[in-house]
Amino acid sequence: MNIKSPSNDPHGLNSNLVFTIENNTQKNPLKVDIFRADNNSKIGSKLYSPANTIEVGVTGYLTPNLDVSPIQKEQPDIITANNRAFPIKIKTSEIAADGSIIHIESNEIMVSAAKENIEFNTVMNAINKFVAPITKDDNFEIAVITDGKSIIEAELKFIHKNTIDEWTKTLTMSQTYKGIAIFNINISKFTQEMVNQNIKWEEYDDLKCTIRNRSTNSVIAKYSIPIVNRRKNSTRLCWKNRLGAIEYYTFPYMKRRLTKIDKDRVQTENGGRITKATVEKIIEIQSDFEIKEAIEQIAEVAQATNVWICEQNKYTPVVVLDSEITIEEERCTYIELKISLSQEEEFVA
């Protein structure tokens, strides 16, 4: 029997981590236990019928085991990634007819929530990507997996809308955690630096971002990001996706605000009386028209366990109320979401 580990994409984490068990010749059911190899804690198990080839998916075990949050006391340019990676190990055991377990073998791999993610998950190895616009108040992460030895550099070029002028900022990471390089691109911080240098940042409307391996002088990825004015009543959401990475997207349209009130009413000899009222504030928001592949990625926010509204580096936890998302079969489409802005408030008479 041979257990093949998933191969890590050099630019990020594959969305489907699968161990493959080949040449499986046993005639009895196969039990596969999944462990965190750093502390040997068991995080799952699966049972498979006899087969020559068995694929064991472990992606779903990432999110609950990674402590990933955008909330920080400060917003550094370089983010420590020590809470975004751990090794997974699988052990296989054959279950004999009498119920006894025969240990066979095990294998392990380092997995990580680091993912080349920006606005929404675009194709991992694409060059010259075009992504959703950002504003001067936004920030976002770019995370890449490296060999752990190279110096990784993020070059940011703000492009003047009428001239060939550029304002350049370079962020350098000389040491990564288990090969994960995470840059926090804080636009408001950089525009303030421009103001301090007497540069009119509002005349710059495009950001060219190049991630390169300085040790090998090779380009990992390039982005072209339009800088726009924030639309009134837009909502920028931030969420922990199913791989444990942090995603951002700005929903430009606020459709309506709702206040949901549930009342407990009792009947007394003097008539009806409200004994308790529970209030929940809800907003309905809509994405921009995006290509279908982008909408499918953005729609993951509905299944995220952690969601925040991001505004000027303030992160407010919210809840996505939708239990069903409809995506139209069109090349360009949009989605709508209902967001609960606060915990329920109780008023007791």
Protein backbone atom coordinates (compact mmCIF):
# COMPACT_ATOMS: atom_id res chain seq x y z
CA MET A 1 0.00 0.00 0.00
CA ASN A 2 1.24 3.49 -0.86
CA ILE A 3 -0.04 6.78 0.64
CA LYS A 4 0.63 9.76 -1.63
CA SER A 5 0.54 13.22 -0.05
CA PRO A 6 -1.19 16.18 -1.74
CA SER A 7 1.18 18.47 -3.61
CA ASN A 8 1.24 22.10 -2.50
CA ASP A 9 0.75 24.65 -5.25
CA PRO A 10 3.94 26.82 -5.31
CA HIS A 11 1.73 29.95 -5.30
CA GLY A 12 -0.72 28.87 -2.63
CA LEU A 13 -2.86 26.11 -1.27
CA ASN A 14 -4.89 23.87 -3.53
CA SER A 15 -8.59 24.17 -2.76
CA ASN A 16 -8.89 20.40 -2.49
CA LEU A 17 -6.29 18.67 -0.31
CA VAL A 18 -6.48 14.94 -0.96
CA PHE A 19 -4.31 12.06 0.23
CA THR A 20 -4.36 9.15 -2.24
CA ILE A 21 -4.08 5.55 -1.02
CA GLU A 22 -2.95 3.32 -3.89
CA ASN A 23 -2.40 -0.42 -4.32
CA ASN A 24 -4.91 -1.05 -1.57
CA THR A 25 -5.20 -4.84 -1.56
CA GLN A 26 -6.93 -5.50 1.75
CA LYS A 27 -10.38 -7.09 1.63
CA ASN A 28 -11.74 -5.45 4.76
CA PRO A 29 -12.96 -1.90 5.41
CA LEU A 30 -10.23 0.71 5.86
CA LYS A 31 -10.32 3.23 8.70
CA VAL A 32 -8.40 6.49 8.17
CA ASP A 33 -7.64 8.66 11.21
CA ILE A 34 -6.64 12.31 10.68
CA PHE A 35 -4.30 13.99 13.18
CA ARG A 36 -2.61 17.29 13.80
CA ALA A 37 0.96 16.05 13.63
CA ASP A 38 2.33 18.94 15.73
CA ASN A 39 0.44 17.89 18.87
CA ASN A 40 -0.83 14.45 17.77
CA SER A 41 -4.45 15.41 18.47
CA LYS A 42 -7.06 13.55 16.45
CA ILE A 43 -9.24 15.87 14.35
CA GLY A 44 -11.27 13.37 12.33
CA SER A 45 -11.69 9.87 10.98
CA LYS A 46 -13.26 8.25 7.92
CA LEU A 47 -14.27 4.71 7.00
CA TYR A 48 -13.89 3.38 3.45
CA SER A 49 -15.04 0.23 1.70
CA PRO A 50 -12.29 -1.93 0.12
CA ALA A 51 -10.99 -0.41 -3.15
CA ASN A 52 -7.77 -0.33 -5.16
CA THR A 53 -7.56 3.48 -4.90
CA ILE A 54 -8.98 5.61 -2.09
CA GLU A 55 -8.95 9.40 -1.97
CA VAL A 56 -9.04 11.01 1.47
CA GLY A 57 -10.02 14.70 1.43
CA VAL A 58 -8.80 16.73 4.42
CA THR A 59 -9.63 20.30 3.38
CA GLY A 60 -12.62 20.49 5.72
CA TYR A 61 -10.41 19.97 8.76
CA LEU A 62 -8.48 23.20 8.17
CA THR A 63 -10.88 25.96 9.18
CA PRO A 64 -11.79 24.83 12.73
CA ASN A 65 -8.13 24.18 13.52
CA LEU A 66 -6.69 27.51 12.37
CA ASP A 67 -6.91 30.61 14.56
CA VAL A 68 -7.14 33.19 11.80
CA SER A 69 -8.60 36.64 12.37
CA PRO A 70 -8.13 40.07 10.75
CA ILE A 71 -8.54 41.81 14.13
CA GLN A 72 -5.23 43.18 15.39
CA LYS A 73 -4.26 45.96 17.77
CA GLU A 74 -2.13 47.38 14.98
CA GLN A 75 -2.16 46.88 11.21
CA PRO A 76 1.44 45.91 10.36
CA ASP A 77 2.71 45.65 6.80
CA ILE A 78 3.96 42.12 7.52
CA ILE A 79 1.68 39.64 9.29
CA THR A 80 3.07 36.75 11.34
CA ALA A 81 1.64 33.51 10.03
CA ASN A 82 2.27 31.25 13.02
CA ASN A 83 -1.46 30.62 13.49
CA ARG A 84 -2.05 29.68 9.86
CA ALA A 85 -0.22 26.41 9.41
CA PHE A 86 0.03 22.98 10.96
CA PRO A 87 1.02 19.50 9.75
CA ILE A 88 -1.70 16.94 9.05
CA LYS A 89 -0.96 13.24 9.41
CA ILE A 90 -3.19 10.35 8.39
CA LYS A 91 -3.00 6.81 9.75
CA THR A 92 -4.68 3.90 8.00
CA SER A 93 -5.94 0.78 9.77
CA GLU A 94 -7.62 -2.30 8.33
CA ILE A 95 -10.66 -3.50 10.26
CA ALA A 96 -10.62 -7.31 10.37
CA ALA A 97 -13.73 -9.46 10.26
CA ASP A 98 -13.58 -10.01 14.04
CA GLY A 99 -13.50 -6.24 14.65
CA SER A 100 -9.80 -6.06 15.48
CA ILE A 101 -7.73 -3.27 13.94
CA ILE A 102 -4.56 -3.95 11.96
CA HIS A 103 -2.33 -0.85 11.70
CA ILE A 104 -0.95 -0.42 8.21
CA GLU A 105 0.99 2.85 7.75
CA SER A 106 0.85 6.64 7.93
CA ASN A 107 1.95 9.77 6.11
CA GLU A 108 1.88 13.51 6.81
CA ILE A 109 2.02 16.90 5.09
CA MET A 110 2.28 20.51 6.22
CA VAL A 111 -0.94 22.34 5.30
CA SER A 112 -1.67 26.02 5.55
CA ALA A 113 -4.38 28.64 5.32
CA ALA A 114 -2.00 30.88 3.43
CA LYS A 115 -3.45 31.39 0.01
CA GLU A 116 -2.75 33.88 -2.73
CA ASN A 117 -6.02 35.64 -2.05
CA ILE A 118 -7.01 39.18 -2.95
CA GLU A 119 -10.59 40.42 -2.89
CA PHE A 120 -11.75 36.95 -3.90
CA ASN A 121 -9.94 33.76 -4.89
CA THR A 122 -8.79 34.18 -8.46
CA VAL A 123 -6.79 31.61 -10.42
CA MET A 124 -3.70 30.85 -8.34
CA ASN A 125 -0.98 31.05 -10.99
CA ALA A 126 -2.47 33.79 -13.15
CA ILE A 127 -0.29 36.77 -14.01
CA ASN A 128 -1.61 40.32 -14.49
CA LYS A 129 -4.81 39.62 -12.60
CA PHE A 130 -7.61 42.16 -12.55
CA VAL A 131 -9.45 42.31 -9.24
CA ALA A 132 -12.29 44.26 -7.67
CA PRO A 133 -11.63 47.98 -7.06
CA ILE A 134 -10.56 49.26 -3.67
CA THR A 135 -10.79 52.66 -1.94
CA LYS A 136 -8.27 54.71 0.01
CA ASP A 137 -9.73 53.39 3.29
CA ASP A 138 -9.41 49.70 2.44
CA ASN A 139 -6.84 47.12 3.34
CA PHE A 140 -6.43 43.54 2.22
CA GLU A 141 -4.02 40.63 2.51
CA ILE A 142 -1.82 38.93 -0.03
CA ALA A 143 -0.54 35.58 1.22
CA VAL A 144 1.75 33.23 -0.68
CA ILE A 145 3.48 29.94 0.09
CA THR A 146 7.23 29.93 -0.61
CA ASP A 147 10.16 27.58 -0.16
CA GLY A 148 10.75 29.07 3.31
CA LYS A 149 14.26 30.27 2.43
CA SER A 150 13.77 33.00 -0.17
CA ILE A 151 13.31 36.73 0.45
CA ILE A 152 9.82 37.74 -0.68
CA GLU A 153 9.05 41.28 -1.83
CA ALA A 154 5.82 43.17 -2.50
CA GLU A 155 6.29 46.18 -4.78
CA LEU A 156 3.37 48.62 -4.80
CA LYS A 157 3.17 51.27 -7.53
CA PHE A 158 0.47 53.96 -7.35
CA ILE A 159 -0.09 55.24 -10.91
CA HIS A 160 -1.06 58.85 -11.71
CA LYS A 161 -4.23 59.06 -13.78
CA ASN A 162 -3.01 61.80 -16.13
CA THR A 163 0.79 61.53 -16.21
CA ILE A 164 3.46 58.83 -16.08
CA ASP A 165 4.22 59.63 -12.43
CA GLU A 166 4.45 56.73 -10.00
CA TRP A 167 4.74 56.48 -6.23
CA THR A 168 6.41 53.26 -5.14
CA LYS A 169 6.41 51.42 -1.84
CA THR A 170 8.30 48.16 -1.31
CA LEU A 171 7.60 45.68 1.49
CA THR A 172 10.18 42.98 2.15
CA MET A 173 9.86 39.76 4.12
CA SER A 174 13.26 38.18 4.77
CA GLN A 175 12.02 35.40 7.06
CA THR A 176 8.76 33.50 6.68
CA TYR A 177 6.93 31.15 9.02
CA LYS A 178 6.96 27.68 7.47
CA GLY A 179 7.24 29.32 4.06
CA ILE A 180 4.16 31.56 4.43
CA ALA A 181 4.56 35.22 3.44
CA ILE A 182 1.62 37.50 4.31
CA PHE A 183 1.54 41.18 3.33
CA ASN A 184 -1.11 43.52 4.71
CA ILE A 185 -1.77 46.16 2.05
CA ASN A 186 -3.11 49.14 4.02
CA ILE A 187 -4.08 51.74 1.43
CA SER A 188 -4.93 54.49 3.95
CA LYS A 189 -1.48 54.18 5.52
CA PHE A 190 0.25 54.56 2.18
CA THR A 191 -1.91 57.46 1.03
CA GLN A 192 -1.06 59.25 4.30
CA GLU A 193 2.63 58.79 3.49
CA MET A 194 1.95 60.41 0.12
CA VAL A 195 0.23 63.35 1.82
CA ASN A 196 3.23 63.76 4.14
CA GLN A 197 5.38 64.03 1.01
CA ASN A 198 3.05 66.70 -0.44
CA ILE A 199 1.75 64.31 -3.07
CA LYS A 200 -1.91 64.57 -4.04
CA TRP A 201 -2.89 60.94 -3.64
CA GLU A 202 -6.37 61.57 -5.10
CA GLU A 203 -4.72 62.04 -8.50
CA TYR A 204 -3.59 58.40 -8.43
CA ASP A 205 -6.23 55.92 -9.53
CA ASP A 206 -4.46 52.60 -10.08
CA LEU A 207 -2.32 50.28 -7.97
CA LYS A 208 0.14 47.91 -9.63
CA CYS A 209 1.19 45.22 -7.18
CA THR A 210 4.02 42.81 -7.96
CA ILE A 211 4.96 39.93 -5.66
CA ARG A 212 8.42 38.62 -6.41
CA ASN A 213 10.97 36.19 -5.08
CA ARG A 214 13.96 38.47 -4.66
CA SER A 215 16.32 35.55 -4.07
CA THR A 216 15.66 34.18 -7.56
CA ASN A 217 14.50 37.48 -9.12
CA SER A 218 11.32 35.78 -10.31
CA VAL A 219 7.77 37.18 -10.31
CA ILE A 220 5.20 35.21 -8.29
CA ALA A 221 2.16 37.29 -9.24
CA LYS A 222 1.04 40.67 -10.57
CA TYR A 223 -2.16 42.60 -9.85
CA SER A 224 -3.76 45.67 -11.36
CA ILE A 225 -6.18 47.21 -8.86
CA PRO A 226 -8.32 50.28 -9.61
CA ILE A 227 -8.58 52.80 -6.76
CA VAL A 228 -12.06 54.33 -6.61
CA ASN A 229 -14.17 56.47 -4.30
CA ARG A 230 -16.25 54.48 -1.86
CA ARG A 231 -19.86 54.30 -3.00
CA LYS A 232 -22.29 55.68 -0.46
CA ASN A 233 -23.88 52.96 1.69
CA SER A 234 -21.49 50.27 0.45
CA THR A 235 -20.52 47.45 2.80
CA ARG A 236 -17.09 45.83 2.91
CA LEU A 237 -17.18 42.29 4.28
CA CYS A 238 -14.26 40.27 5.53
CA TRP A 239 -14.55 36.56 6.23
CA LYS A 240 -12.63 33.40 7.05
CA ASN A 241 -13.09 31.13 4.05
CA ARG A 242 -13.35 27.35 4.08
CA LEU A 243 -9.57 27.03 3.84
CA GLY A 244 -9.04 29.32 6.83
CA ALA A 245 -7.71 32.24 4.76
CA ILE A 246 -9.00 35.83 5.05
CA GLU A 247 -11.05 37.22 2.16
CA TYR A 248 -12.37 40.75 1.44
CA TYR A 249 -15.07 42.05 -0.86
CA THR A 250 -16.99 45.34 -1.00
CA PHE A 251 -20.74 45.03 -1.66
CA PRO A 252 -21.53 48.36 -3.35
CA TYR A 253 -25.32 48.36 -2.97
CA MET A 254 -27.38 48.67 0.21
CA LYS A 255 -30.90 47.62 -0.74
CA ARG A 256 -32.70 48.15 2.55
CA ARG A 257 -32.43 48.22 6.34
CA LEU A 258 -34.73 46.14 8.51
CA THR A 259 -35.49 46.06 12.21
CA LYS A 260 -36.87 42.71 13.29
CA ILE A 261 -38.91 42.84 16.51
CA ASP A 262 -40.23 39.78 18.30
CA LYS A 263 -42.64 40.45 21.16
CA ASP A 264 -43.85 38.28 24.04
CA ARG A 265 -47.43 39.31 24.77
CA VAL A 266 -49.63 38.17 27.63
CA GLN A 267 -53.30 38.79 28.28
CA THR A 268 -54.23 40.27 31.65
CA GLU A 269 -57.50 41.40 33.15
CA ASN A 270 -56.58 44.90 32.07
CA GLY A 271 -55.92 43.86 28.47
CA GLY A 272 -52.83 42.84 26.50
CA ARG A 273 -49.36 43.54 27.83
CA ILE A 274 -45.89 43.22 26.26
CA THR A 275 -43.52 41.47 28.66
CA LYS A 276 -40.43 41.29 26.43
CA ALA A 277 -39.30 42.63 23.07
CA THR A 278 -36.30 41.28 21.13
CA VAL A 279 -34.74 43.55 18.49
CA GLU A 280 -32.41 42.54 15.65
CA LYS A 281 -31.04 44.97 13.04
CA ILE A 282 -30.61 43.59 9.52
CA ILE A 283 -29.29 45.00 6.25
CA GLU A 284 -29.79 43.60 2.75
CA ILE A 285 -26.80 44.12 0.46
CA GLN A 286 -25.98 43.29 -3.15
CA SER A 287 -22.70 42.58 -4.91
CA ASP A 288 -21.64 44.25 -8.12
CA PHE A 289 -22.05 42.36 -11.38
CA GLU A 290 -19.06 40.00 -11.52
CA ILE A 291 -18.12 37.03 -13.63
CA LYS A 292 -19.79 33.83 -12.48
CA GLU A 293 -16.53 32.29 -11.17
CA ALA A 294 -15.95 35.32 -8.93
CA ILE A 295 -19.52 35.23 -7.60
CA GLU A 296 -19.14 31.57 -6.69
CA GLN A 297 -16.08 32.47 -4.61
CA ILE A 298 -17.74 35.48 -2.97
CA ALA A 299 -20.78 33.36 -2.11
CA GLU A 300 -18.58 31.38 0.28
CA VAL A 301 -19.20 34.17 2.79
CA ALA A 302 -22.62 32.60 3.43
CA GLN A 303 -21.01 29.46 4.82
CA ALA A 304 -18.19 31.22 6.68
CA THR A 305 -18.01 30.67 10.42
CA ASN A 306 -16.51 34.13 11.02
CA VAL A 307 -17.64 37.28 9.18
CA TRP A 308 -16.85 40.93 9.87
CA ILE A 309 -17.80 44.32 8.46
CA CYS A 310 -14.53 46.14 7.78
CA GLU A 311 -14.50 49.92 7.97
CA GLN A 312 -11.34 52.00 8.38
CA ASN A 313 -9.47 49.11 10.04
CA LYS A 314 -12.36 48.47 12.44
CA TYR A 315 -13.76 44.95 12.32
CA THR A 316 -17.30 44.36 13.60
CA PRO A 317 -18.51 40.74 13.85
CA VAL A 318 -21.75 40.10 11.96
CA VAL A 319 -23.85 37.09 10.94
CA VAL A 320 -24.89 36.17 7.39
CA LEU A 321 -28.51 35.03 7.72
CA ASP A 322 -28.86 33.41 4.30
CA SER A 323 -29.08 29.62 4.33
CA GLU A 324 -29.42 29.43 0.54
CA ILE A 325 -27.60 31.34 -2.20
CA THR A 326 -28.89 31.51 -5.78
CA ILE A 327 -26.38 32.15 -8.58
CA GLU A 328 -27.88 32.74 -12.01
CA GLU A 329 -26.49 30.85 -15.00
CA GLU A 330 -25.20 33.98 -16.68
CA ARG A 331 -21.65 35.04 -17.58
CA CYS A 332 -21.98 38.10 -15.33
CA THR A 333 -24.26 38.00 -12.34
CA TYR A 334 -24.62 39.12 -8.70
CA ILE A 335 -25.74 37.87 -5.30
CA GLU A 336 -27.76 39.37 -2.46
CA LEU A 337 -27.19 38.78 1.27
CA LYS A 338 -28.97 39.50 4.52
CA ILE A 339 -26.62 40.55 7.31
CA SER A 340 -27.44 40.73 11.01
CA LEU A 341 -25.59 43.76 12.34
CA SER A 342 -25.80 43.03 16.03
CA GLN A 343 -26.58 40.50 18.65
CA GLU A 344 -30.22 40.41 19.59
CA GLU A 345 -31.21 43.01 22.18
CA GLU A 346 -33.76 42.09 24.83
CA PHE A 347 -36.01 44.57 26.57
CA VAL A 348 -37.86 43.12 29.54
CA ALA A 349 -40.83 44.95 31.05
